[in-house]
Amino acid sequence: MKTKVVVLGAGHVGSHVASALASGAVADEIVLVDKLPHKAAAQAADIADSLSFSPCCPVVREGTYADCADADFTVCTIGKPREPGQTRLDLLSDSVRMIGELAAQLRPFPPAGIVISITNPCDIVADCLRQSLGMPRTRCFGTGTLLDTARLRRILSEQTGTARKDILSLVMGEHGDSSMIPYSFLRIGGKPASETPGFDAEGALERTRRTGMDIIEGKGSTEFGIGQSTAFLIRTILSGEEAVLPLSVALEGEYGVRGVNCGVPCRIGREGVREVIEISLAPEEKKAFDDSIAVLTRYTALARQAKAE
């Protein structure tokens, strides 16, 4: 069966998601949709050109919201980019407004497949999008701390000299400045992180939280990391093999939390999120996680209030 992915938003993030999907032969058809149709068409043509010397050649084209109705995946990347000095939470008002407008556009074409939200603040927008579309958490969720986890793996590799493939890492909580690392879960070369020469717990957390802003201050936007992370997520789901990845999903009592999206390990399969995995957290890790939940709870309430108004 052919796989169709629609990417909503043809900016830095959306175009790199589409490019990663195309170059990795993750989908047979990749459709870019943007409020500026000529921009979506130009990005699609540029990506299509990049495939001319590739062994695979998926269809990459401009489309409309109607394409979401029969897409296997719809990826939401719309939103304003962060400016230097801005937190992801600073984007809340604009993002909630844009998600409301998007939901109205999608109402005649309800997505039949899985919806993945990237727009920042990721956890809160994923909650807004899921509720606006009336979808279950199994089929509508955010990338959450998947990108943070990728960044942590790179940082730990640089700290310890261990190959990334030999590092088992995880970031939980907000995709933002209150994210936390369950250090007791980390394994570097098969050993607990605390037993690995060069491992710096505080430095790893600080750099993981700071990396996104460092990139924005250096070049204006983040794009490659999230593009590849999203393509990896979709490829993993399509494989049909169960895997556990950190995603922003609505909690329904797991970790003692209900009604808030946040990054937690999820068992995924062909239909989306199958199960939220509850790992044991040390007391200090549980406190850090609860502190992150408190931030997300406060801003989720603000988003829902703004949406109601």
C-alpha atoms as a PDB file:
ATOM      1  CA  MET A   1       0.000   0.000   0.000  1.00  0.00           C
ATOM      2  CA  LYS A   2       1.215   3.493  -0.827  1.00  0.00           C
ATOM      3  CA  THR A   3       1.789   5.914   2.029  1.00  0.00           C
ATOM      4  CA  LYS A   4       0.712   9.551   1.914  1.00  0.00           C
ATOM      5  CA  VAL A   5       1.969  12.229   4.302  1.00  0.00           C
ATOM      6  CA  VAL A   6       0.608  15.775   4.377  1.00  0.00           C
ATOM      7  CA  VAL A   7       2.809  18.462   5.932  1.00  0.00           C
ATOM      8  CA  LEU A   8       0.920  21.568   7.026  1.00  0.00           C
ATOM      9  CA  GLY A   9       3.256  24.540   6.817  1.00  0.00           C
ATOM     10  CA  ALA A  10       6.038  24.967   4.257  1.00  0.00           C
ATOM     11  CA  GLY A  11       8.453  27.004   6.346  1.00  0.00           C
ATOM     12  CA  HIS A  12      11.798  25.925   7.773  1.00  0.00           C
ATOM     13  CA  VAL A  13      10.402  23.044   9.820  1.00  0.00           C
ATOM     14  CA  GLY A  14       7.759  21.853   7.370  1.00  0.00           C
ATOM     15  CA  SER A  15      10.114  21.841   4.399  1.00  0.00           C
ATOM     16  CA  HIS A  16      12.772  19.901   6.312  1.00  0.00           C
ATOM     17  CA  VAL A  17      10.229  17.373   7.514  1.00  0.00           C
ATOM     18  CA  ALA A  18       9.174  16.885   3.892  1.00  0.00           C
ATOM     19  CA  SER A  19      12.783  16.676   2.718  1.00  0.00           C
ATOM     20  CA  ALA A  20      13.669  14.076   5.364  1.00  0.00           C
ATOM     21  CA  LEU A  21      10.618  12.012   4.447  1.00  0.00           C
ATOM     22  CA  ALA A  22      11.511  12.189   0.752  1.00  0.00           C
ATOM     23  CA  SER A  23      15.241  11.498   1.003  1.00  0.00           C
ATOM     24  CA  GLY A  24      14.620   8.653   3.439  1.00  0.00           C
ATOM     25  CA  ALA A  25      11.974   7.061   1.203  1.00  0.00           C
ATOM     26  CA  VAL A  26       9.583   7.069   4.172  1.00  0.00           C
ATOM     27  CA  ALA A  27       6.477   7.866   2.111  1.00  0.00           C
ATOM     28  CA  ASP A  28       5.340   7.418  -1.473  1.00  0.00           C
ATOM     29  CA  GLU A  29       3.553  10.768  -1.642  1.00  0.00           C
ATOM     30  CA  ILE A  30       4.460  13.912   0.304  1.00  0.00           C
ATOM     31  CA  VAL A  31       2.109  16.865   0.119  1.00  0.00           C
ATOM     32  CA  LEU A  32       2.997  20.369   1.294  1.00  0.00           C
ATOM     33  CA  VAL A  33       0.179  22.731   2.285  1.00  0.00           C
ATOM     34  CA  ASP A  34       0.703  26.375   3.182  1.00  0.00           C
ATOM     35  CA  LYS A  35      -1.349  29.554   3.420  1.00  0.00           C
ATOM     36  CA  LEU A  36       0.980  30.767   0.662  1.00  0.00           C
ATOM     37  CA  PRO A  37       0.367  28.187  -2.100  1.00  0.00           C
ATOM     38  CA  HIS A  38       3.249  29.459  -4.214  1.00  0.00           C
ATOM     39  CA  LYS A  39       5.639  28.832  -1.311  1.00  0.00           C
ATOM     40  CA  ALA A  40       4.407  25.259  -0.873  1.00  0.00           C
ATOM     41  CA  ALA A  41       4.757  24.684  -4.618  1.00  0.00           C
ATOM     42  CA  ALA A  42       8.298  26.085  -4.650  1.00  0.00           C
ATOM     43  CA  GLN A  43       9.396  23.985  -1.668  1.00  0.00           C
ATOM     44  CA  ALA A  44       7.869  20.873  -3.239  1.00  0.00           C
ATOM     45  CA  ALA A  45       9.677  21.508  -6.515  1.00  0.00           C
ATOM     46  CA  ASP A  46      12.990  22.083  -4.748  1.00  0.00           C
ATOM     47  CA  ILE A  47      12.656  18.854  -2.769  1.00  0.00           C
ATOM     48  CA  ALA A  48      11.604  16.957  -5.898  1.00  0.00           C
ATOM     49  CA  ASP A  49      14.746  18.225  -7.669  1.00  0.00           C
ATOM     50  CA  SER A  50      16.879  16.844  -4.849  1.00  0.00           C
ATOM     51  CA  LEU A  51      15.647  13.329  -5.651  1.00  0.00           C
ATOM     52  CA  SER A  52      16.781  13.194  -9.269  1.00  0.00           C
ATOM     53  CA  PHE A  53      19.952  11.256  -8.391  1.00  0.00           C
ATOM     54  CA  SER A  54      18.333   9.274  -5.613  1.00  0.00           C
ATOM     55  CA  PRO A  55      17.480   5.559  -5.882  1.00  0.00           C
ATOM     56  CA  CYS A  56      13.962   6.401  -4.693  1.00  0.00           C
ATOM     57  CA  CYS A  57      11.688   9.051  -6.114  1.00  0.00           C
ATOM     58  CA  PRO A  58       8.488   9.682  -4.134  1.00  0.00           C
ATOM     59  CA  VAL A  59       5.945  12.179  -5.392  1.00  0.00           C
ATOM     60  CA  VAL A  60       6.408  15.579  -3.734  1.00  0.00           C
ATOM     61  CA  ARG A  61       3.790  18.198  -4.535  1.00  0.00           C
ATOM     62  CA  GLU A  62       1.755  21.139  -3.310  1.00  0.00           C
ATOM     63  CA  GLY A  63      -1.729  20.347  -2.050  1.00  0.00           C
ATOM     64  CA  THR A  64      -4.717  21.604  -0.097  1.00  0.00           C
ATOM     65  CA  TYR A  65      -6.398  20.809   3.218  1.00  0.00           C
ATOM     66  CA  ALA A  66      -8.585  18.309   1.351  1.00  0.00           C
ATOM     67  CA  ASP A  67      -5.495  16.074   1.071  1.00  0.00           C
ATOM     68  CA  CYS A  68      -5.672  15.425   4.830  1.00  0.00           C
ATOM     69  CA  ALA A  69      -8.882  13.422   4.437  1.00  0.00           C
ATOM     70  CA  ASP A  70      -7.115  10.381   3.004  1.00  0.00           C
ATOM     71  CA  ALA A  71      -3.582  10.920   4.323  1.00  0.00           C
ATOM     72  CA  ASP A  72      -1.901   8.267   6.441  1.00  0.00           C
ATOM     73  CA  PHE A  73      -0.193  11.049   8.396  1.00  0.00           C
ATOM     74  CA  THR A  74      -0.866  14.750   8.791  1.00  0.00           C
ATOM     75  CA  VAL A  75       2.024  16.705  10.303  1.00  0.00           C
ATOM     76  CA  CYS A  76       1.261  20.137  11.747  1.00  0.00           C
ATOM     77  CA  THR A  77       4.217  22.536  11.599  1.00  0.00           C
ATOM     78  CA  ILE A  78       2.367  25.851  11.329  1.00  0.00           C
ATOM     79  CA  GLY A  79       3.290  28.674  13.680  1.00  0.00           C
ATOM     80  CA  LYS A  80       5.613  31.574  14.285  1.00  0.00           C
ATOM     81  CA  PRO A  81       9.289  30.757  14.701  1.00  0.00           C
ATOM     82  CA  ARG A  82      10.987  31.583  17.980  1.00  0.00           C
ATOM     83  CA  GLU A  83      13.071  34.720  18.141  1.00  0.00           C
ATOM     84  CA  PRO A  84      16.344  34.924  20.089  1.00  0.00           C
ATOM     85  CA  GLY A  85      15.488  35.169  23.785  1.00  0.00           C
ATOM     86  CA  GLN A  86      11.963  33.778  23.415  1.00  0.00           C
ATOM     87  CA  THR A  87      10.856  30.637  25.189  1.00  0.00           C
ATOM     88  CA  ARG A  88       8.489  28.223  23.465  1.00  0.00           C
ATOM     89  CA  LEU A  89       5.795  29.267  25.934  1.00  0.00           C
ATOM     90  CA  ASP A  90       6.068  32.841  24.662  1.00  0.00           C
ATOM     91  CA  LEU A  91       4.494  31.598  21.409  1.00  0.00           C
ATOM     92  CA  LEU A  92       1.342  30.377  23.155  1.00  0.00           C
ATOM     93  CA  SER A  93      -1.113  33.112  22.158  1.00  0.00           C
ATOM     94  CA  ASP A  94      -0.221  33.134  18.463  1.00  0.00           C
ATOM     95  CA  SER A  95      -0.094  29.340  18.272  1.00  0.00           C
ATOM     96  CA  VAL A  96      -3.515  28.865  19.903  1.00  0.00           C
ATOM     97  CA  ARG A  97      -5.028  31.332  17.451  1.00  0.00           C
ATOM     98  CA  MET A  98      -3.415  29.592  14.472  1.00  0.00           C
ATOM     99  CA  ILE A  99      -4.542  26.154  15.653  1.00  0.00           C
ATOM    100  CA  GLY A 100      -8.098  27.449  15.927  1.00  0.00           C
ATOM    101  CA  GLU A 101      -7.937  28.707  12.358  1.00  0.00           C
ATOM    102  CA  LEU A 102      -6.412  25.430  11.187  1.00  0.00           C
ATOM    103  CA  ALA A 103      -9.110  23.347  12.884  1.00  0.00           C
ATOM    104  CA  ALA A 104     -11.770  25.366  11.073  1.00  0.00           C
ATOM    105  CA  GLN A 105     -10.010  24.732   7.749  1.00  0.00           C
ATOM    106  CA  LEU A 106      -9.780  21.000   8.467  1.00  0.00           C
ATOM    107  CA  ARG A 107     -13.368  20.559   9.641  1.00  0.00           C
ATOM    108  CA  PRO A 108     -14.673  19.652   6.156  1.00  0.00           C
ATOM    109  CA  PHE A 109     -11.721  17.259   5.695  1.00  0.00           C
ATOM    110  CA  PRO A 110     -11.215  15.415   9.010  1.00  0.00           C
ATOM    111  CA  PRO A 111      -7.871  13.597   8.969  1.00  0.00           C
ATOM    112  CA  ALA A 112      -8.396   9.866   8.626  1.00  0.00           C
ATOM    113  CA  GLY A 113      -4.896   8.905   9.702  1.00  0.00           C
ATOM    114  CA  ILE A 114      -2.462   9.884  12.433  1.00  0.00           C
ATOM    115  CA  VAL A 115      -1.930  13.559  13.274  1.00  0.00           C
ATOM    116  CA  ILE A 116       1.488  14.618  14.590  1.00  0.00           C
ATOM    117  CA  SER A 117       1.926  18.104  16.034  1.00  0.00           C
ATOM    118  CA  ILE A 118       5.268  19.912  16.060  1.00  0.00           C
ATOM    119  CA  THR A 119       4.123  23.527  16.532  1.00  0.00           C
ATOM    120  CA  ASN A 120       5.450  25.181  19.711  1.00  0.00           C
ATOM    121  CA  PRO A 121       4.731  25.187  22.552  1.00  0.00           C
ATOM    122  CA  CYS A 122       4.514  21.559  21.461  1.00  0.00           C
ATOM    123  CA  ASP A 123       2.740  19.937  24.416  1.00  0.00           C
ATOM    124  CA  ILE A 124       0.050  22.580  24.750  1.00  0.00           C
ATOM    125  CA  VAL A 125      -0.568  22.888  21.020  1.00  0.00           C
ATOM    126  CA  ALA A 126      -0.855  19.095  20.724  1.00  0.00           C
ATOM    127  CA  ASP A 127      -3.572  19.224  23.386  1.00  0.00           C
ATOM    128  CA  CYS A 128      -5.397  22.057  21.594  1.00  0.00           C
ATOM    129  CA  LEU A 129      -5.179  20.330  18.224  1.00  0.00           C
ATOM    130  CA  ARG A 130      -6.417  16.990  19.536  1.00  0.00           C
ATOM    131  CA  GLN A 131      -9.401  18.588  21.252  1.00  0.00           C
ATOM    132  CA  SER A 132     -10.210  20.824  18.285  1.00  0.00           C
ATOM    133  CA  LEU A 133     -10.208  17.836  15.920  1.00  0.00           C
ATOM    134  CA  GLY A 134     -12.033  15.562  18.368  1.00  0.00           C
ATOM    135  CA  MET A 135      -9.418  12.832  17.991  1.00  0.00           C
ATOM    136  CA  PRO A 136      -8.234  10.201  20.479  1.00  0.00           C
ATOM    137  CA  ARG A 137      -4.783  10.479  22.019  1.00  0.00           C
ATOM    138  CA  THR A 138      -3.754   7.329  20.178  1.00  0.00           C
ATOM    139  CA  ARG A 139      -3.942   9.109  16.809  1.00  0.00           C
ATOM    140  CA  CYS A 140      -3.181  12.749  17.681  1.00  0.00           C
ATOM    141  CA  PHE A 141      -0.048  13.583  19.635  1.00  0.00           C
ATOM    142  CA  GLY A 142       3.054  15.760  19.581  1.00  0.00           C
ATOM    143  CA  THR A 143       6.707  15.038  18.922  1.00  0.00           C
ATOM    144  CA  GLY A 144       7.284  16.284  22.465  1.00  0.00           C
ATOM    145  CA  THR A 145      10.649  15.311  23.917  1.00  0.00           C
ATOM    146  CA  LEU A 146      11.695  13.136  20.966  1.00  0.00           C
ATOM    147  CA  LEU A 147      13.948  15.938  19.702  1.00  0.00           C
ATOM    148  CA  ASP A 148      15.213  16.657  23.240  1.00  0.00           C
ATOM    149  CA  THR A 149      16.119  12.972  23.517  1.00  0.00           C
ATOM    150  CA  ALA A 150      18.018  13.123  20.220  1.00  0.00           C
ATOM    151  CA  ARG A 151      19.915  16.155  21.499  1.00  0.00           C
ATOM    152  CA  LEU A 152      20.682  14.424  24.797  1.00  0.00           C
ATOM    153  CA  ARG A 153      22.071  11.410  22.946  1.00  0.00           C
ATOM    154  CA  ARG A 154      24.434  13.670  20.993  1.00  0.00           C
ATOM    155  CA  ILE A 155      25.502  15.527  24.145  1.00  0.00           C
ATOM    156  CA  LEU A 156      26.174  12.320  26.072  1.00  0.00           C
ATOM    157  CA  SER A 157      28.201  11.000  23.139  1.00  0.00           C
ATOM    158  CA  GLU A 158      30.297  14.169  23.160  1.00  0.00           C
ATOM    159  CA  GLN A 159      30.770  14.015  26.947  1.00  0.00           C
ATOM    160  CA  THR A 160      31.796  10.367  27.126  1.00  0.00           C
ATOM    161  CA  GLY A 161      33.126   9.477  23.683  1.00  0.00           C
ATOM    162  CA  THR A 162      30.522   6.706  23.383  1.00  0.00           C
ATOM    163  CA  ALA A 163      28.874   6.027  20.020  1.00  0.00           C
ATOM    164  CA  ARG A 164      25.314   7.334  19.908  1.00  0.00           C
ATOM    165  CA  LYS A 165      23.948   3.906  19.014  1.00  0.00           C
ATOM    166  CA  ASP A 166      25.282   2.622  22.348  1.00  0.00           C
ATOM    167  CA  ILE A 167      23.446   5.247  24.405  1.00  0.00           C
ATOM    168  CA  LEU A 168      19.984   4.664  25.856  1.00  0.00           C
ATOM    169  CA  SER A 169      18.611   8.115  26.669  1.00  0.00           C
ATOM    170  CA  LEU A 170      15.296   9.717  27.536  1.00  0.00           C
ATOM    171  CA  VAL A 171      13.974  13.209  28.228  1.00  0.00           C
ATOM    172  CA  MET A 172      10.541  13.678  29.814  1.00  0.00           C
ATOM    173  CA  GLY A 173       8.130  16.468  30.680  1.00  0.00           C
ATOM    174  CA  GLU A 174       7.805  19.711  28.729  1.00  0.00           C
ATOM    175  CA  HIS A 175       9.456  20.168  25.375  1.00  0.00           C
ATOM    176  CA  GLY A 176      10.966  23.296  26.845  1.00  0.00           C
ATOM    177  CA  ASP A 177      12.866  24.811  29.716  1.00  0.00           C
ATOM    178  CA  SER A 178      11.344  22.601  32.430  1.00  0.00           C
ATOM    179  CA  SER A 179      12.205  19.298  30.724  1.00  0.00           C
ATOM    180  CA  MET A 180      13.847  16.673  32.923  1.00  0.00           C
ATOM    181  CA  ILE A 181      16.144  13.691  32.518  1.00  0.00           C
ATOM    182  CA  PRO A 182      15.475  10.467  34.435  1.00  0.00           C
ATOM    183  CA  TYR A 183      19.164   9.800  35.076  1.00  0.00           C
ATOM    184  CA  SER A 184      18.460   6.413  36.625  1.00  0.00           C
ATOM    185  CA  PHE A 185      17.132   5.287  33.219  1.00  0.00           C
ATOM    186  CA  LEU A 186      20.245   6.288  31.241  1.00  0.00           C
ATOM    187  CA  ARG A 187      22.621   3.638  29.994  1.00  0.00           C
ATOM    188  CA  ILE A 188      25.893   4.517  28.297  1.00  0.00           C
ATOM    189  CA  GLY A 189      27.661   1.600  26.718  1.00  0.00           C
ATOM    190  CA  GLY A 190      25.393  -0.709  28.707  1.00  0.00           C
ATOM    191  CA  LYS A 191      26.340   0.828  32.056  1.00  0.00           C
ATOM    192  CA  PRO A 192      24.565   3.335  34.320  1.00  0.00           C
ATOM    193  CA  ALA A 193      25.490   6.873  33.317  1.00  0.00           C
ATOM    194  CA  SER A 194      26.917   7.546  36.783  1.00  0.00           C
ATOM    195  CA  GLU A 195      29.575   4.878  36.162  1.00  0.00           C
ATOM    196  CA  THR A 196      30.707   6.391  32.859  1.00  0.00           C
ATOM    197  CA  PRO A 197      33.833   8.616  32.807  1.00  0.00           C
ATOM    198  CA  GLY A 198      33.077  12.114  31.554  1.00  0.00           C
ATOM    199  CA  PHE A 199      29.348  12.014  32.350  1.00  0.00           C
ATOM    200  CA  ASP A 200      28.131  15.374  33.678  1.00  0.00           C
ATOM    201  CA  ALA A 201      24.477  15.234  34.722  1.00  0.00           C
ATOM    202  CA  GLU A 202      23.937  18.957  35.278  1.00  0.00           C
ATOM    203  CA  GLY A 203      25.815  19.853  32.117  1.00  0.00           C
ATOM    204  CA  ALA A 204      23.779  17.373  30.066  1.00  0.00           C
ATOM    205  CA  LEU A 205      20.469  18.820  31.281  1.00  0.00           C
ATOM    206  CA  GLU A 206      21.558  22.422  30.816  1.00  0.00           C
ATOM    207  CA  ARG A 207      22.813  21.793  27.279  1.00  0.00           C
ATOM    208  CA  THR A 208      19.726  19.751  26.345  1.00  0.00           C
ATOM    209  CA  ARG A 209      17.451  22.592  27.423  1.00  0.00           C
ATOM    210  CA  ARG A 210      19.643  25.263  25.838  1.00  0.00           C
ATOM    211  CA  THR A 211      20.506  23.685  22.473  1.00  0.00           C
ATOM    212  CA  GLY A 212      17.406  24.894  20.626  1.00  0.00           C
ATOM    213  CA  MET A 213      18.043  28.529  21.551  1.00  0.00           C
ATOM    214  CA  ASP A 214      21.752  28.209  20.756  1.00  0.00           C
ATOM    215  CA  ILE A 215      20.798  27.089  17.247  1.00  0.00           C
ATOM    216  CA  ILE A 216      18.245  29.890  16.840  1.00  0.00           C
ATOM    217  CA  GLU A 217      20.752  32.503  17.981  1.00  0.00           C
ATOM    218  CA  GLY A 218      23.344  31.061  15.622  1.00  0.00           C
ATOM    219  CA  LYS A 219      21.295  30.690  12.439  1.00  0.00           C
ATOM    220  CA  GLY A 220      17.732  31.842  13.043  1.00  0.00           C
ATOM    221  CA  SER A 221      15.833  28.560  13.245  1.00  0.00           C
ATOM    222  CA  THR A 222      15.962  24.873  14.090  1.00  0.00           C
ATOM    223  CA  GLU A 223      15.011  22.547  11.256  1.00  0.00           C
ATOM    224  CA  PHE A 224      17.288  19.585  10.502  1.00  0.00           C
ATOM    225  CA  GLY A 225      16.949  17.889  13.873  1.00  0.00           C
ATOM    226  CA  ILE A 226      13.164  18.023  14.038  1.00  0.00           C
ATOM    227  CA  GLY A 227      12.887  17.069  10.363  1.00  0.00           C
ATOM    228  CA  GLN A 228      14.865  13.872  10.846  1.00  0.00           C
ATOM    229  CA  SER A 229      13.190  13.114  14.194  1.00  0.00           C
ATOM    230  CA  THR A 230       9.736  13.334  12.617  1.00  0.00           C
ATOM    231  CA  ALA A 231      10.751  11.187   9.656  1.00  0.00           C
ATOM    232  CA  PHE A 232      12.196   8.618  12.076  1.00  0.00           C
ATOM    233  CA  LEU A 233       8.935   8.611  14.062  1.00  0.00           C
ATOM    234  CA  ILE A 234       6.803   8.047  10.969  1.00  0.00           C
ATOM    235  CA  ARG A 235       9.150   5.375   9.622  1.00  0.00           C
ATOM    236  CA  THR A 236       9.007   3.576  12.973  1.00  0.00           C
ATOM    237  CA  ILE A 237       5.204   3.655  13.046  1.00  0.00           C
ATOM    238  CA  LEU A 238       4.995   2.390   9.476  1.00  0.00           C
ATOM    239  CA  SER A 239       7.324  -0.506  10.255  1.00  0.00           C
ATOM    240  CA  GLY A 240       4.554  -2.057  12.320  1.00  0.00           C
ATOM    241  CA  GLU A 241       7.092  -3.191  14.880  1.00  0.00           C
ATOM    242  CA  GLU A 242       6.391  -2.080  18.418  1.00  0.00           C
ATOM    243  CA  ALA A 243       8.885   0.470  19.706  1.00  0.00           C
ATOM    244  CA  VAL A 244       9.079   2.852  22.657  1.00  0.00           C
ATOM    245  CA  LEU A 245       9.695   6.536  21.932  1.00  0.00           C
ATOM    246  CA  PRO A 246       9.137   9.701  24.003  1.00  0.00           C
ATOM    247  CA  LEU A 247       6.121  11.597  22.650  1.00  0.00           C
ATOM    248  CA  SER A 248       3.768  14.293  23.899  1.00  0.00           C
ATOM    249  CA  VAL A 249       0.540  12.459  24.640  1.00  0.00           C
ATOM    250  CA  ALA A 250      -2.489  13.327  26.783  1.00  0.00           C
ATOM    251  CA  LEU A 251      -2.072  11.630  30.147  1.00  0.00           C
ATOM    252  CA  GLU A 252      -5.079   9.795  31.556  1.00  0.00           C
ATOM    253  CA  GLY A 253      -3.854   9.018  35.039  1.00  0.00           C
ATOM    254  CA  GLU A 254      -0.357   7.823  34.210  1.00  0.00           C
ATOM    255  CA  TYR A 255       2.292   9.278  36.531  1.00  0.00           C
ATOM    256  CA  GLY A 256      -0.613  10.586  38.633  1.00  0.00           C
ATOM    257  CA  VAL A 257      -1.495  13.160  35.956  1.00  0.00           C
ATOM    258  CA  ARG A 258      -4.674  13.653  33.985  1.00  0.00           C
ATOM    259  CA  GLY A 259      -5.690  16.065  31.214  1.00  0.00           C
ATOM    260  CA  VAL A 260      -2.222  17.386  30.298  1.00  0.00           C
ATOM    261  CA  ASN A 261       0.037  16.575  27.338  1.00  0.00           C
ATOM    262  CA  CYS A 262       3.685  15.991  28.126  1.00  0.00           C
ATOM    263  CA  GLY A 263       6.664  13.988  26.926  1.00  0.00           C
ATOM    264  CA  VAL A 264       6.576  10.423  28.227  1.00  0.00           C
ATOM    265  CA  PRO A 265       7.767   7.082  26.839  1.00  0.00           C
ATOM    266  CA  CYS A 266       5.073   5.589  24.599  1.00  0.00           C
ATOM    267  CA  ARG A 267       4.745   2.196  22.978  1.00  0.00           C
ATOM    268  CA  ILE A 268       3.872   2.848  19.358  1.00  0.00           C
ATOM    269  CA  GLY A 269       2.569   0.659  16.556  1.00  0.00           C
ATOM    270  CA  ARG A 270       0.939   0.953  13.168  1.00  0.00           C
ATOM    271  CA  GLU A 271      -2.193   2.585  14.633  1.00  0.00           C
ATOM    272  CA  GLY A 272      -0.247   5.176  16.659  1.00  0.00           C
ATOM    273  CA  VAL A 273       0.240   5.290  20.426  1.00  0.00           C
ATOM    274  CA  ARG A 274      -0.649   1.928  21.929  1.00  0.00           C
ATOM    275  CA  GLU A 275       0.356   2.547  25.519  1.00  0.00           C
ATOM    276  CA  VAL A 276       1.980   5.086  27.818  1.00  0.00           C
ATOM    277  CA  ILE A 277       4.874   3.417  29.618  1.00  0.00           C
ATOM    278  CA  GLU A 278       5.293   4.317  33.292  1.00  0.00           C
ATOM    279  CA  ILE A 279       8.911   3.993  34.333  1.00  0.00           C
ATOM    280  CA  SER A 280      10.076   4.154  37.925  1.00  0.00           C
ATOM    281  CA  LEU A 281      11.413   7.578  38.843  1.00  0.00           C
ATOM    282  CA  ALA A 282      13.692   8.275  41.772  1.00  0.00           C
ATOM    283  CA  PRO A 283      12.225  10.789  44.283  1.00  0.00           C
ATOM    284  CA  GLU A 284      14.253  13.703  42.924  1.00  0.00           C
ATOM    285  CA  GLU A 285      13.325  12.727  39.362  1.00  0.00           C
ATOM    286  CA  LYS A 286       9.629  12.552  40.266  1.00  0.00           C
ATOM    287  CA  LYS A 287       9.860  16.047  41.755  1.00  0.00           C
ATOM    288  CA  ALA A 288      11.481  17.395  38.579  1.00  0.00           C
ATOM    289  CA  PHE A 289       8.780  15.730  36.498  1.00  0.00           C
ATOM    290  CA  ASP A 290       6.002  17.123  38.719  1.00  0.00           C
ATOM    291  CA  ASP A 291       7.545  20.605  38.462  1.00  0.00           C
ATOM    292  CA  SER A 292       7.407  20.334  34.670  1.00  0.00           C
ATOM    293  CA  ILE A 293       3.797  19.135  34.839  1.00  0.00           C
ATOM    294  CA  ALA A 294       2.938  22.175  36.971  1.00  0.00           C
ATOM    295  CA  VAL A 295       4.248  24.464  34.216  1.00  0.00           C
ATOM    296  CA  LEU A 296       2.298  22.609  31.545  1.00  0.00           C
ATOM    297  CA  THR A 297      -0.882  22.545  33.635  1.00  0.00           C
ATOM    298  CA  ARG A 298      -0.774  26.320  34.084  1.00  0.00           C
ATOM    299  CA  TYR A 299      -0.230  27.077  30.413  1.00  0.00           C
ATOM    300  CA  THR A 300      -2.700  24.444  29.226  1.00  0.00           C
ATOM    301  CA  ALA A 301      -5.365  26.177  31.323  1.00  0.00           C
ATOM    302  CA  LEU A 302      -4.446  29.511  29.730  1.00  0.00           C
ATOM    303  CA  ALA A 303      -4.660  27.998  26.243  1.00  0.00           C
ATOM    304  CA  ARG A 304      -8.065  26.471  26.898  1.00  0.00           C
ATOM    305  CA  GLN A 305      -9.319  29.760  28.306  1.00  0.00           C
ATOM    306  CA  ALA A 306      -8.060  31.635  25.225  1.00  0.00           C
ATOM    307  CA  LYS A 307      -9.661  29.050  22.962  1.00  0.00           C
ATOM    308  CA  ALA A 308     -13.002  29.412  24.771  1.00  0.00           C
ATOM    309  CA  GLU A 309     -12.923  33.159  24.323  1.00  0.00           C
END
